[in-house]
Full PDB file with SEQRES, HELIX, SHEET, SSBOND, CRYST1, ORIGX, SCALE, CONECT and MASTER records, all heavy atoms in Angstrom:
SEQRES   1 A   41  ARG TRP ALA VAL ASP VAL ARG GLU HIS LEU GLU THR LEU          
SEQRES   2 A   41  GLU GLU ALA ARG GLU LYS PRO HIS VAL LEU ALA ASP ALA          
SEQRES   3 A   41  ASP VAL GLU ARG ILE LYS ARG VAL TYR THR GLU GLN ALA          
SEQRES   4 A   41  GLY ASP                                                      
HELIX    1 AA1 TRP A    2  ALA A   16  1                                  15    
HELIX    2 AA2 PRO A   20  VAL A   22  5                                   3    
HELIX    3 AA3 ASP A   25  GLY A   40  1                                  16    
CRYST1    1.000    1.000    1.000  90.00  90.00  90.00 P 1           1          
ORIGX1      1.000000  0.000000  0.000000        0.00000                         
ORIGX2      0.000000  1.000000  0.000000        0.00000                         
ORIGX3      0.000000  0.000000  1.000000        0.00000                         
SCALE1      1.000000  0.000000  0.000000        0.00000                         
SCALE2      0.000000  1.000000  0.000000        0.00000                         
SCALE3      0.000000  0.000000  1.000000        0.00000                         
ATOM      1  N   ARG A   1      11.311 -14.294   4.042  1.00  0.00           N  
ATOM      2  CA  ARG A   1      10.201 -15.103   4.567  1.00  0.00           C  
ATOM      3  C   ARG A   1       9.308 -14.283   5.480  1.00  0.00           C  
ATOM      4  O   ARG A   1       8.089 -14.411   5.464  1.00  0.00           O  
ATOM      5  CB  ARG A   1      10.715 -16.363   5.259  1.00  0.00           C  
ATOM      6  CG  ARG A   1       9.723 -17.257   5.806  1.00  0.00           C  
ATOM      7  CD  ARG A   1       8.905 -17.861   4.640  1.00  0.00           C  
ATOM      8  NE  ARG A   1       7.473 -18.004   5.014  1.00  0.00           N  
ATOM      9  CZ  ARG A   1       6.559 -18.338   4.158  1.00  0.00           C  
ATOM     10  NH1 ARG A   1       6.803 -18.614   2.927  1.00  0.00           N  
ATOM     11  NH2 ARG A   1       5.253 -18.356   4.578  1.00  0.00           N  
ATOM     12  N   TRP A   2      10.043 -13.460   6.195  1.00  0.00           N  
ATOM     13  CA  TRP A   2       9.278 -12.561   7.115  1.00  0.00           C  
ATOM     14  C   TRP A   2       8.304 -11.620   6.310  1.00  0.00           C  
ATOM     15  O   TRP A   2       7.137 -11.496   6.701  1.00  0.00           O  
ATOM     16  CB  TRP A   2      10.330 -11.703   7.834  1.00  0.00           C  
ATOM     17  CG  TRP A   2       9.871 -10.887   8.974  1.00  0.00           C  
ATOM     18  CD1 TRP A   2       8.549 -10.726   9.519  1.00  0.00           C  
ATOM     19  CD2 TRP A   2      10.622  -9.975   9.752  1.00  0.00           C  
ATOM     20  NE1 TRP A   2       8.526  -9.830  10.504  1.00  0.00           N  
ATOM     21  CE2 TRP A   2       9.805  -9.316  10.685  1.00  0.00           C  
ATOM     22  CE3 TRP A   2      12.016  -9.578   9.733  1.00  0.00           C  
ATOM     23  CZ2 TRP A   2      10.270  -8.384  11.619  1.00  0.00           C  
ATOM     24  CZ3 TRP A   2      12.475  -8.673  10.661  1.00  0.00           C  
ATOM     25  CH2 TRP A   2      11.604  -8.035  11.619  1.00  0.00           C  
ATOM     26  N   ALA A   3       8.823 -11.129   5.231  1.00  0.00           N  
ATOM     27  CA  ALA A   3       7.933 -10.208   4.347  1.00  0.00           C  
ATOM     28  C   ALA A   3       6.802 -11.098   3.712  1.00  0.00           C  
ATOM     29  O   ALA A   3       5.702 -10.559   3.673  1.00  0.00           O  
ATOM     30  CB  ALA A   3       8.816  -9.664   3.250  1.00  0.00           C  
ATOM     31  N   VAL A   4       7.071 -12.293   3.343  1.00  0.00           N  
ATOM     32  CA  VAL A   4       5.997 -13.112   2.796  1.00  0.00           C  
ATOM     33  C   VAL A   4       4.963 -13.339   3.790  1.00  0.00           C  
ATOM     34  O   VAL A   4       3.709 -13.206   3.559  1.00  0.00           O  
ATOM     35  CB  VAL A   4       6.578 -14.488   2.240  1.00  0.00           C  
ATOM     36  CG1 VAL A   4       5.518 -15.475   1.941  1.00  0.00           C  
ATOM     37  CG2 VAL A   4       7.483 -14.229   1.069  1.00  0.00           C  
ATOM     38  N   ASP A   5       5.323 -13.632   5.068  1.00  0.00           N  
ATOM     39  CA  ASP A   5       4.402 -13.864   6.116  1.00  0.00           C  
ATOM     40  C   ASP A   5       3.486 -12.669   6.367  1.00  0.00           C  
ATOM     41  O   ASP A   5       2.261 -12.713   6.551  1.00  0.00           O  
ATOM     42  CB  ASP A   5       5.059 -14.311   7.350  1.00  0.00           C  
ATOM     43  CG  ASP A   5       5.637 -15.673   7.324  1.00  0.00           C  
ATOM     44  OD1 ASP A   5       5.280 -16.442   6.398  1.00  0.00           O  
ATOM     45  OD2 ASP A   5       6.543 -16.053   8.121  1.00  0.00           O  
ATOM     46  N   VAL A   6       4.117 -11.455   6.447  1.00  0.00           N  
ATOM     47  CA  VAL A   6       3.414 -10.262   6.686  1.00  0.00           C  
ATOM     48  C   VAL A   6       2.445  -9.932   5.527  1.00  0.00           C  
ATOM     49  O   VAL A   6       1.357  -9.516   5.737  1.00  0.00           O  
ATOM     50  CB  VAL A   6       4.364  -9.105   6.939  1.00  0.00           C  
ATOM     51  CG1 VAL A   6       3.611  -7.733   7.174  1.00  0.00           C  
ATOM     52  CG2 VAL A   6       5.219  -9.326   8.127  1.00  0.00           C  
ATOM     53  N   ARG A   7       2.930 -10.162   4.313  1.00  0.00           N  
ATOM     54  CA  ARG A   7       2.063  -9.897   3.159  1.00  0.00           C  
ATOM     55  C   ARG A   7       0.860 -10.780   3.171  1.00  0.00           C  
ATOM     56  O   ARG A   7      -0.255 -10.314   2.904  1.00  0.00           O  
ATOM     57  CB  ARG A   7       2.877 -10.144   1.837  1.00  0.00           C  
ATOM     58  CG  ARG A   7       2.453  -9.280   0.685  1.00  0.00           C  
ATOM     59  CD  ARG A   7       3.353  -9.352  -0.508  1.00  0.00           C  
ATOM     60  NE  ARG A   7       4.492  -8.482  -0.347  1.00  0.00           N  
ATOM     61  CZ  ARG A   7       5.763  -8.833  -0.178  1.00  0.00           C  
ATOM     62  NH1 ARG A   7       6.088 -10.087  -0.159  1.00  0.00           N  
ATOM     63  NH2 ARG A   7       6.748  -7.895  -0.030  1.00  0.00           N  
ATOM     64  N   GLU A   8       1.057 -12.082   3.493  1.00  0.00           N  
ATOM     65  CA  GLU A   8      -0.049 -13.024   3.622  1.00  0.00           C  
ATOM     66  C   GLU A   8      -1.065 -12.549   4.687  1.00  0.00           C  
ATOM     67  O   GLU A   8      -2.267 -12.586   4.507  1.00  0.00           O  
ATOM     68  CB  GLU A   8       0.385 -14.388   3.905  1.00  0.00           C  
ATOM     69  CG  GLU A   8       1.075 -15.081   2.696  1.00  0.00           C  
ATOM     70  CD  GLU A   8       1.672 -16.442   2.964  1.00  0.00           C  
ATOM     71  OE1 GLU A   8       1.671 -16.887   4.159  1.00  0.00           O  
ATOM     72  OE2 GLU A   8       2.273 -16.960   2.027  1.00  0.00           O  
ATOM     73  N   HIS A   9      -0.512 -12.133   5.846  1.00  0.00           N  
ATOM     74  CA  HIS A   9      -1.423 -11.644   6.901  1.00  0.00           C  
ATOM     75  C   HIS A   9      -2.177 -10.441   6.469  1.00  0.00           C  
ATOM     76  O   HIS A   9      -3.335 -10.239   6.822  1.00  0.00           O  
ATOM     77  CB  HIS A   9      -0.598 -11.463   8.222  1.00  0.00           C  
ATOM     78  CG  HIS A   9      -1.438 -11.374   9.404  1.00  0.00           C  
ATOM     79  ND1 HIS A   9      -0.988 -10.733  10.549  1.00  0.00           N  
ATOM     80  CD2 HIS A   9      -2.690 -11.813   9.726  1.00  0.00           C  
ATOM     81  CE1 HIS A   9      -1.883 -10.795  11.462  1.00  0.00           C  
ATOM     82  NE2 HIS A   9      -2.928 -11.490  10.958  1.00  0.00           N  
ATOM     83  N   LEU A  10      -1.489  -9.547   5.765  1.00  0.00           N  
ATOM     84  CA  LEU A  10      -2.149  -8.344   5.283  1.00  0.00           C  
ATOM     85  C   LEU A  10      -3.279  -8.639   4.329  1.00  0.00           C  
ATOM     86  O   LEU A  10      -4.389  -8.055   4.432  1.00  0.00           O  
ATOM     87  CB  LEU A  10      -1.159  -7.424   4.635  1.00  0.00           C  
ATOM     88  CG  LEU A  10      -1.623  -6.053   4.126  1.00  0.00           C  
ATOM     89  CD1 LEU A  10      -2.246  -5.198   5.195  1.00  0.00           C  
ATOM     90  CD2 LEU A  10      -0.519  -5.254   3.420  1.00  0.00           C  
ATOM     91  N   GLU A  11      -3.066  -9.626   3.434  1.00  0.00           N  
ATOM     92  CA  GLU A  11      -4.109 -10.081   2.516  1.00  0.00           C  
ATOM     93  C   GLU A  11      -5.296 -10.620   3.300  1.00  0.00           C  
ATOM     94  O   GLU A  11      -6.468 -10.348   2.976  1.00  0.00           O  
ATOM     95  CB  GLU A  11      -3.586 -11.145   1.558  1.00  0.00           C  
ATOM     96  CG  GLU A  11      -2.623 -10.482   0.548  1.00  0.00           C  
ATOM     97  CD  GLU A  11      -1.912 -11.628  -0.258  1.00  0.00           C  
ATOM     98  OE1 GLU A  11      -2.347 -12.838  -0.287  1.00  0.00           O  
ATOM     99  OE2 GLU A  11      -0.973 -11.311  -1.071  1.00  0.00           O  
ATOM    100  N   THR A  12      -5.061 -11.353   4.343  1.00  0.00           N  
ATOM    101  CA  THR A  12      -6.180 -11.969   5.159  1.00  0.00           C  
ATOM    102  C   THR A  12      -6.923 -10.803   5.821  1.00  0.00           C  
ATOM    103  O   THR A  12      -8.184 -10.850   5.855  1.00  0.00           O  
ATOM    104  CB  THR A  12      -5.567 -12.923   6.220  1.00  0.00           C  
ATOM    105  OG1 THR A  12      -4.870 -13.889   5.562  1.00  0.00           O  
ATOM    106  CG2 THR A  12      -6.705 -13.441   7.103  1.00  0.00           C  
ATOM    107  N   LEU A  13      -6.234  -9.872   6.331  1.00  0.00           N  
ATOM    108  CA  LEU A  13      -6.842  -8.702   7.003  1.00  0.00           C  
ATOM    109  C   LEU A  13      -7.649  -7.852   5.977  1.00  0.00           C  
ATOM    110  O   LEU A  13      -8.697  -7.301   6.309  1.00  0.00           O  
ATOM    111  CB  LEU A  13      -5.873  -7.824   7.745  1.00  0.00           C  
ATOM    112  CG  LEU A  13      -5.209  -8.478   9.006  1.00  0.00           C  
ATOM    113  CD1 LEU A  13      -4.176  -7.496   9.567  1.00  0.00           C  
ATOM    114  CD2 LEU A  13      -6.336  -8.773  10.031  1.00  0.00           C  
ATOM    115  N   GLU A  14      -7.206  -7.765   4.778  1.00  0.00           N  
ATOM    116  CA  GLU A  14      -7.827  -6.980   3.736  1.00  0.00           C  
ATOM    117  C   GLU A  14      -9.250  -7.680   3.412  1.00  0.00           C  
ATOM    118  O   GLU A  14     -10.229  -6.963   3.245  1.00  0.00           O  
ATOM    119  CB  GLU A  14      -7.028  -7.003   2.416  1.00  0.00           C  
ATOM    120  CG  GLU A  14      -5.925  -6.040   2.400  1.00  0.00           C  
ATOM    121  CD  GLU A  14      -6.319  -4.591   2.331  1.00  0.00           C  
ATOM    122  OE1 GLU A  14      -7.497  -4.255   2.044  1.00  0.00           O  
ATOM    123  OE2 GLU A  14      -5.427  -3.749   2.616  1.00  0.00           O  
ATOM    124  N   GLU A  15      -9.257  -9.004   3.513  1.00  0.00           N  
ATOM    125  CA  GLU A  15     -10.532  -9.760   3.344  1.00  0.00           C  
ATOM    126  C   GLU A  15     -11.506  -9.371   4.469  1.00  0.00           C  
ATOM    127  O   GLU A  15     -12.704  -9.236   4.229  1.00  0.00           O  
ATOM    128  CB  GLU A  15     -10.375 -11.231   3.325  1.00  0.00           C  
ATOM    129  CG  GLU A  15      -9.561 -11.716   2.068  1.00  0.00           C  
ATOM    130  CD  GLU A  15      -9.202 -13.178   2.138  1.00  0.00           C  
ATOM    131  OE1 GLU A  15      -9.695 -13.922   3.064  1.00  0.00           O  
ATOM    132  OE2 GLU A  15      -8.356 -13.595   1.328  1.00  0.00           O  
ATOM    133  N   ALA A  16     -10.977  -9.154   5.647  1.00  0.00           N  
ATOM    134  CA  ALA A  16     -11.855  -8.684   6.750  1.00  0.00           C  
ATOM    135  C   ALA A  16     -12.303  -7.333   6.652  1.00  0.00           C  
ATOM    136  O   ALA A  16     -13.237  -6.880   7.428  1.00  0.00           O  
ATOM    137  CB  ALA A  16     -11.092  -8.947   8.121  1.00  0.00           C  
ATOM    138  N   ARG A  17     -11.754  -6.486   5.778  1.00  0.00           N  
ATOM    139  CA  ARG A  17     -12.176  -5.105   5.706  1.00  0.00           C  
ATOM    140  C   ARG A  17     -13.678  -4.955   5.363  1.00  0.00           C  
ATOM    141  O   ARG A  17     -14.384  -4.127   5.853  1.00  0.00           O  
ATOM    142  CB  ARG A  17     -11.348  -4.431   4.584  1.00  0.00           C  
ATOM    143  CG  ARG A  17     -11.743  -3.031   4.402  1.00  0.00           C  
ATOM    144  CD  ARG A  17     -10.859  -2.335   3.340  1.00  0.00           C  
ATOM    145  NE  ARG A  17      -9.856  -1.570   4.071  1.00  0.00           N  
ATOM    146  CZ  ARG A  17      -8.655  -1.388   3.632  1.00  0.00           C  
ATOM    147  NH1 ARG A  17      -8.191  -1.780   2.499  1.00  0.00           N  
ATOM    148  NH2 ARG A  17      -7.786  -0.643   4.391  1.00  0.00           N  
ATOM    149  N   GLU A  18     -14.185  -5.887   4.496  1.00  0.00           N  
ATOM    150  CA  GLU A  18     -15.609  -5.809   4.155  1.00  0.00           C  
ATOM    151  C   GLU A  18     -16.490  -6.511   5.254  1.00  0.00           C  
ATOM    152  O   GLU A  18     -17.686  -6.277   5.274  1.00  0.00           O  
ATOM    153  CB  GLU A  18     -15.830  -6.523   2.855  1.00  0.00           C  
ATOM    154  CG  GLU A  18     -15.275  -5.774   1.664  1.00  0.00           C  
ATOM    155  CD  GLU A  18     -15.779  -4.373   1.587  1.00  0.00           C  
ATOM    156  OE1 GLU A  18     -17.089  -4.182   1.753  1.00  0.00           O  
ATOM    157  OE2 GLU A  18     -15.063  -3.432   1.375  1.00  0.00           O  
ATOM    158  N   LYS A  19     -15.937  -7.270   6.151  1.00  0.00           N  
ATOM    159  CA  LYS A  19     -16.640  -7.896   7.204  1.00  0.00           C  
ATOM    160  C   LYS A  19     -15.833  -7.767   8.537  1.00  0.00           C  
ATOM    161  O   LYS A  19     -15.487  -8.816   9.052  1.00  0.00           O  
ATOM    162  CB  LYS A  19     -16.928  -9.331   6.867  1.00  0.00           C  
ATOM    163  CG  LYS A  19     -17.869  -9.548   5.671  1.00  0.00           C  
ATOM    164  CD  LYS A  19     -18.151 -10.966   5.439  1.00  0.00           C  
ATOM    165  CE  LYS A  19     -18.974 -11.130   4.251  1.00  0.00           C  
ATOM    166  NZ  LYS A  19     -19.494 -12.510   4.051  1.00  0.00           N  
ATOM    167  N   PRO A  20     -15.631  -6.617   8.991  1.00  0.00           N  
ATOM    168  CA  PRO A  20     -14.810  -6.429  10.189  1.00  0.00           C  
ATOM    169  C   PRO A  20     -15.402  -7.109  11.387  1.00  0.00           C  
ATOM    170  O   PRO A  20     -14.697  -7.434  12.372  1.00  0.00           O  
ATOM    171  CB  PRO A  20     -14.659  -4.903  10.365  1.00  0.00           C  
ATOM    172  CG  PRO A  20     -15.831  -4.309   9.689  1.00  0.00           C  
ATOM    173  CD  PRO A  20     -16.138  -5.299   8.481  1.00  0.00           C  
ATOM    174  N   HIS A  21     -16.676  -7.331  11.376  1.00  0.00           N  
ATOM    175  CA  HIS A  21     -17.364  -7.937  12.570  1.00  0.00           C  
ATOM    176  C   HIS A  21     -16.981  -9.355  12.800  1.00  0.00           C  
ATOM    177  O   HIS A  21     -17.328 -10.021  13.755  1.00  0.00           O  
ATOM    178  CB  HIS A  21     -18.856  -7.774  12.441  1.00  0.00           C  
ATOM    179  CG  HIS A  21     -19.413  -8.507  11.234  1.00  0.00           C  
ATOM    180  ND1 HIS A  21     -19.442  -7.857   9.987  1.00  0.00           N  
ATOM    181  CD2 HIS A  21     -19.916  -9.754  11.014  1.00  0.00           C  
ATOM    182  CE1 HIS A  21     -19.923  -8.673   9.124  1.00  0.00           C  
ATOM    183  NE2 HIS A  21     -20.202  -9.832   9.743  1.00  0.00           N  
ATOM    184  N   VAL A  22     -16.212  -9.970  11.824  1.00  0.00           N  
ATOM    185  CA  VAL A  22     -15.757 -11.374  12.040  1.00  0.00           C  
ATOM    186  C   VAL A  22     -14.572 -11.327  13.073  1.00  0.00           C  
ATOM    187  O   VAL A  22     -14.180 -12.404  13.518  1.00  0.00           O  
ATOM    188  CB  VAL A  22     -15.339 -12.038  10.697  1.00  0.00           C  
ATOM    189  CG1 VAL A  22     -16.473 -12.096   9.795  1.00  0.00           C  
ATOM    190  CG2 VAL A  22     -14.113 -11.384  10.111  1.00  0.00           C  
ATOM    191  N   LEU A  23     -14.055 -10.208  13.385  1.00  0.00           N  
ATOM    192  CA  LEU A  23     -12.997 -10.120  14.393  1.00  0.00           C  
ATOM    193  C   LEU A  23     -13.490  -9.569  15.709  1.00  0.00           C  
ATOM    194  O   LEU A  23     -14.378  -8.728  15.740  1.00  0.00           O  
ATOM    195  CB  LEU A  23     -11.887  -9.100  13.837  1.00  0.00           C  
ATOM    196  CG  LEU A  23     -11.180  -9.546  12.549  1.00  0.00           C  
ATOM    197  CD1 LEU A  23     -10.254  -8.476  12.105  1.00  0.00           C  
ATOM    198  CD2 LEU A  23     -10.386 -10.844  12.785  1.00  0.00           C  
ATOM    199  N   ALA A  24     -12.950 -10.067  16.768  1.00  0.00           N  
ATOM    200  CA  ALA A  24     -13.279  -9.491  18.123  1.00  0.00           C  
ATOM    201  C   ALA A  24     -12.183  -8.477  18.515  1.00  0.00           C  
ATOM    202  O   ALA A  24     -11.109  -8.470  17.930  1.00  0.00           O  
ATOM    203  CB  ALA A  24     -13.244 -10.694  19.065  1.00  0.00           C  
ATOM    204  N   ASP A  25     -12.574  -7.676  19.475  1.00  0.00           N  
ATOM    205  CA  ASP A  25     -11.617  -6.727  19.949  1.00  0.00           C  
ATOM    206  C   ASP A  25     -10.253  -7.382  20.386  1.00  0.00           C  
ATOM    207  O   ASP A  25      -9.135  -6.833  20.038  1.00  0.00           O  
ATOM    208  CB  ASP A  25     -12.108  -5.993  21.220  1.00  0.00           C  
ATOM    209  CG  ASP A  25     -13.179  -5.001  20.969  1.00  0.00           C  
ATOM    210  OD1 ASP A  25     -13.395  -4.627  19.740  1.00  0.00           O  
ATOM    211  OD2 ASP A  25     -13.837  -4.548  21.904  1.00  0.00           O  
ATOM    212  N   ALA A  26     -10.303  -8.571  20.945  1.00  0.00           N  
ATOM    213  CA  ALA A  26      -9.110  -9.245  21.417  1.00  0.00           C  
ATOM    214  C   ALA A  26      -8.190  -9.571  20.141  1.00  0.00           C  
ATOM    215  O   ALA A  26      -6.996  -9.596  20.235  1.00  0.00           O  
ATOM    216  CB  ALA A  26      -9.391 -10.489  22.132  1.00  0.00           C  
ATOM    217  N   ASP A  27      -8.858  -9.952  19.081  1.00  0.00           N  
ATOM    218  CA  ASP A  27      -8.147 -10.279  17.808  1.00  0.00           C  
ATOM    219  C   ASP A  27      -7.395  -9.103  17.293  1.00  0.00           C  
ATOM    220  O   ASP A  27      -6.114  -9.161  16.988  1.00  0.00           O  
ATOM    221  CB  ASP A  27      -9.057 -10.790  16.698  1.00  0.00           C  
ATOM    222  CG  ASP A  27      -9.865 -12.040  17.032  1.00  0.00           C  
ATOM    223  OD1 ASP A  27      -9.270 -12.863  17.768  1.00  0.00           O  
ATOM    224  OD2 ASP A  27     -10.989 -12.135  16.634  1.00  0.00           O  
ATOM    225  N   VAL A  28      -8.022  -7.946  17.298  1.00  0.00           N  
ATOM    226  CA  VAL A  28      -7.421  -6.729  16.767  1.00  0.00           C  
ATOM    227  C   VAL A  28      -6.326  -6.272  17.737  1.00  0.00           C  
ATOM    228  O   VAL A  28      -5.242  -5.835  17.233  1.00  0.00           O  
ATOM    229  CB  VAL A  28      -8.478  -5.627  16.529  1.00  0.00           C  
ATOM    230  CG1 VAL A  28      -7.841  -4.315  16.129  1.00  0.00           C  
ATOM    231  CG2 VAL A  28      -9.480  -6.087  15.490  1.00  0.00           C  
ATOM    232  N   GLU A  29      -6.498  -6.404  18.997  1.00  0.00           N  
ATOM    233  CA  GLU A  29      -5.548  -5.955  19.927  1.00  0.00           C  
ATOM    234  C   GLU A  29      -4.299  -6.821  19.829  1.00  0.00           C  
ATOM    235  O   GLU A  29      -3.160  -6.383  19.944  1.00  0.00           O  
ATOM    236  CB  GLU A  29      -6.039  -5.970  21.371  1.00  0.00           C  
ATOM    237  CG  GLU A  29      -7.037  -4.811  21.716  1.00  0.00           C  
ATOM    238  CD  GLU A  29      -6.438  -3.489  21.346  1.00  0.00           C  
ATOM    239  OE1 GLU A  29      -5.329  -3.191  21.709  1.00  0.00           O  
ATOM    240  OE2 GLU A  29      -7.161  -2.661  20.728  1.00  0.00           O  
ATOM    241  N   ARG A  30      -4.486  -8.121  19.599  1.00  0.00           N  
ATOM    242  CA  ARG A  30      -3.335  -9.091  19.435  1.00  0.00           C  
ATOM    243  C   ARG A  30      -2.586  -8.649  18.153  1.00  0.00           C  
ATOM    244  O   ARG A  30      -1.401  -8.615  18.149  1.00  0.00           O  
ATOM    245  CB  ARG A  30      -3.836 -10.494  19.375  1.00  0.00           C  
ATOM    246  CG  ARG A  30      -2.655 -11.452  19.281  1.00  0.00           C  
ATOM    247  CD  ARG A  30      -3.186 -12.949  19.345  1.00  0.00           C  
ATOM    248  NE  ARG A  30      -4.381 -13.173  18.570  1.00  0.00           N  
ATOM    249  CZ  ARG A  30      -4.447 -13.463  17.259  1.00  0.00           C  
ATOM    250  NH1 ARG A  30      -3.317 -13.565  16.616  1.00  0.00           N  
ATOM    251  NH2 ARG A  30      -5.497 -13.745  16.692  1.00  0.00           N  
ATOM    252  N   ILE A  31      -3.281  -8.387  17.085  1.00  0.00           N  
ATOM    253  CA  ILE A  31      -2.599  -7.981  15.905  1.00  0.00           C  
ATOM    254  C   ILE A  31      -1.787  -6.671  16.108  1.00  0.00           C  
ATOM    255  O   ILE A  31      -0.637  -6.585  15.733  1.00  0.00           O  
ATOM    256  CB  ILE A  31      -3.606  -7.729  14.744  1.00  0.00           C  
ATOM    257  CG1 ILE A  31      -4.282  -9.034  14.321  1.00  0.00           C  
ATOM    258  CG2 ILE A  31      -3.015  -7.019  13.532  1.00  0.00           C  
ATOM    259  CD1 ILE A  31      -5.554  -8.880  13.517  1.00  0.00           C  
ATOM    260  N   LYS A  32      -2.398  -5.732  16.816  1.00  0.00           N  
ATOM    261  CA  LYS A  32      -1.676  -4.442  17.083  1.00  0.00           C  
ATOM    262  C   LYS A  32      -0.414  -4.720  17.957  1.00  0.00           C  
ATOM    263  O   LYS A  32       0.659  -4.167  17.728  1.00  0.00           O  
ATOM    264  CB  LYS A  32      -2.656  -3.508  17.748  1.00  0.00           C  
ATOM    265  CG  LYS A  32      -3.657  -2.892  16.898  1.00  0.00           C  
ATOM    266  CD  LYS A  32      -4.519  -1.870  17.685  1.00  0.00           C  
ATOM    267  CE  LYS A  32      -5.601  -1.291  16.832  1.00  0.00           C  
ATOM    268  NZ  LYS A  32      -6.357  -0.214  17.638  1.00  0.00           N  
ATOM    269  N   ARG A  33      -0.614  -5.555  18.926  1.00  0.00           N  
ATOM    270  CA  ARG A  33       0.530  -5.871  19.885  1.00  0.00           C  
ATOM    271  C   ARG A  33       1.705  -6.552  19.058  1.00  0.00           C  
ATOM    272  O   ARG A  33       2.778  -6.161  19.160  1.00  0.00           O  
ATOM    273  CB  ARG A  33       0.065  -6.767  21.013  1.00  0.00           C  
ATOM    274  CG  ARG A  33       1.226  -7.062  22.012  1.00  0.00           C  
ATOM    275  CD  ARG A  33       0.723  -7.879  23.176  1.00  0.00           C  
ATOM    276  NE  ARG A  33      -0.338  -8.809  23.107  1.00  0.00           N  
ATOM    277  CZ  ARG A  33      -0.451  -9.987  22.466  1.00  0.00           C  
ATOM    278  NH1 ARG A  33       0.452 -10.433  21.918  1.00  0.00           N  
ATOM    279  NH2 ARG A  33      -1.439 -10.736  22.413  1.00  0.00           N  
ATOM    280  N   VAL A  34       1.319  -7.559  18.289  1.00  0.00           N  
ATOM    281  CA  VAL A  34       2.367  -8.335  17.522  1.00  0.00           C  
ATOM    282  C   VAL A  34       3.066  -7.404  16.547  1.00  0.00           C  
ATOM    283  O   VAL A  34       4.278  -7.389  16.439  1.00  0.00           O  
ATOM    284  CB  VAL A  34       1.717  -9.523  16.829  1.00  0.00           C  
ATOM    285  CG1 VAL A  34       2.691 -10.099  15.757  1.00  0.00           C  
ATOM    286  CG2 VAL A  34       1.291 -10.554  17.784  1.00  0.00           C  
ATOM    287  N   TYR A  35       2.338  -6.594  15.800  1.00  0.00           N  
ATOM    288  CA  TYR A  35       2.969  -5.733  14.812  1.00  0.00           C  
ATOM    289  C   TYR A  35       3.640  -4.538  15.398  1.00  0.00           C  
ATOM    290  O   TYR A  35       4.560  -3.988  14.793  1.00  0.00           O  
ATOM    291  CB  TYR A  35       2.019  -5.394  13.699  1.00  0.00           C  
ATOM    292  CG  TYR A  35       1.867  -6.629  12.790  1.00  0.00           C  
ATOM    293  CD1 TYR A  35       0.895  -7.632  13.052  1.00  0.00           C  
ATOM    294  CD2 TYR A  35       2.746  -6.787  11.738  1.00  0.00           C  
ATOM    295  CE1 TYR A  35       0.843  -8.711  12.231  1.00  0.00           C  
ATOM    296  CE2 TYR A  35       2.686  -7.890  10.947  1.00  0.00           C  
ATOM    297  CZ  TYR A  35       1.691  -8.930  11.197  1.00  0.00           C  
ATOM    298  OH  TYR A  35       1.664 -10.073  10.396  1.00  0.00           O  
ATOM    299  N   THR A  36       3.270  -4.067  16.560  1.00  0.00           N  
ATOM    300  CA  THR A  36       3.997  -3.003  17.252  1.00  0.00           C  
ATOM    301  C   THR A  36       5.340  -3.600  17.736  1.00  0.00           C  
ATOM    302  O   THR A  36       6.331  -2.965  17.619  1.00  0.00           O  
ATOM    303  CB  THR A  36       3.160  -2.462  18.438  1.00  0.00           C  
ATOM    304  OG1 THR A  36       1.958  -1.969  17.920  1.00  0.00           O  
ATOM    305  CG2 THR A  36       3.889  -1.404  19.158  1.00  0.00           C  
ATOM    306  N   GLU A  37       5.317  -4.834  18.285  1.00  0.00           N  
ATOM    307  CA  GLU A  37       6.525  -5.494  18.645  1.00  0.00           C  
ATOM    308  C   GLU A  37       7.407  -5.708  17.380  1.00  0.00           C  
ATOM    309  O   GLU A  37       8.643  -5.505  17.512  1.00  0.00           O  
ATOM    310  CB  GLU A  37       6.223  -6.772  19.401  1.00  0.00           C  
ATOM    311  CG  GLU A  37       5.703  -6.679  20.748  1.00  0.00           C  
ATOM    312  CD  GLU A  37       5.245  -8.001  21.348  1.00  0.00           C  
ATOM    313  OE1 GLU A  37       5.587  -9.047  20.807  1.00  0.00           O  
ATOM    314  OE2 GLU A  37       4.583  -7.917  22.435  1.00  0.00           O  
ATOM    315  N   GLN A  38       6.845  -6.117  16.327  1.00  0.00           N  
ATOM    316  CA  GLN A  38       7.601  -6.329  15.120  1.00  0.00           C  
ATOM    317  C   GLN A  38       8.296  -4.977  14.663  1.00  0.00           C  
ATOM    318  O   GLN A  38       9.396  -5.020  14.213  1.00  0.00           O  
ATOM    319  CB  GLN A  38       6.681  -6.816  14.032  1.00  0.00           C  
ATOM    320  CG  GLN A  38       7.490  -7.167  12.756  1.00  0.00           C  
ATOM    321  CD  GLN A  38       6.541  -7.563  11.596  1.00  0.00           C  
ATOM    322  OE1 GLN A  38       6.010  -6.752  10.904  1.00  0.00           O  
ATOM    323  NE2 GLN A  38       6.363  -8.904  11.470  1.00  0.00           N  
ATOM    324  N   ALA A  39       7.553  -3.871  14.793  1.00  0.00           N  
ATOM    325  CA  ALA A  39       8.131  -2.565  14.511  1.00  0.00           C  
ATOM    326  C   ALA A  39       9.390  -2.349  15.302  1.00  0.00           C  
ATOM    327  O   ALA A  39      10.366  -1.804  14.785  1.00  0.00           O  
ATOM    328  CB  ALA A  39       7.090  -1.475  14.644  1.00  0.00           C  
ATOM    329  N   GLY A  40       9.368  -2.741  16.594  1.00  0.00           N  
ATOM    330  CA  GLY A  40      10.542  -2.623  17.397  1.00  0.00           C  
ATOM    331  C   GLY A  40      11.641  -3.535  16.971  1.00  0.00           C  
ATOM    332  O   GLY A  40      12.839  -3.064  16.938  1.00  0.00           O  
ATOM    333  N   ASP A  41      11.341  -4.741  16.507  1.00  0.00           N  
ATOM    334  CA  ASP A  41      12.344  -5.655  15.942  1.00  0.00           C  
ATOM    335  C   ASP A  41      12.925  -5.027  14.677  1.00  0.00           C  
ATOM    336  O   ASP A  41      14.132  -5.158  14.461  1.00  0.00           O  
ATOM    337  CB  ASP A  41      11.741  -6.983  15.694  1.00  0.00           C  
ATOM    338  CG  ASP A  41      11.369  -7.688  16.949  1.00  0.00           C  
ATOM    339  OD1 ASP A  41      11.805  -7.402  17.992  1.00  0.00           O  
ATOM    340  OD2 ASP A  41      10.511  -8.688  16.795  1.00  0.00           O  
TER     341      ASP A  41                                                      
MASTER        0    0    0    3    0    0    0    6  340    1    0    4          
END                                                                             
């Protein structure tokens, strides 16, 4: 289930690749923080 969730989030972020301006710095920093913590897990 963890992998399914990450895959879905990755797909959502892929959609933002063509329109990165829909994200704020805080959004990207939160993503980095969460997935850096996940790497530790």
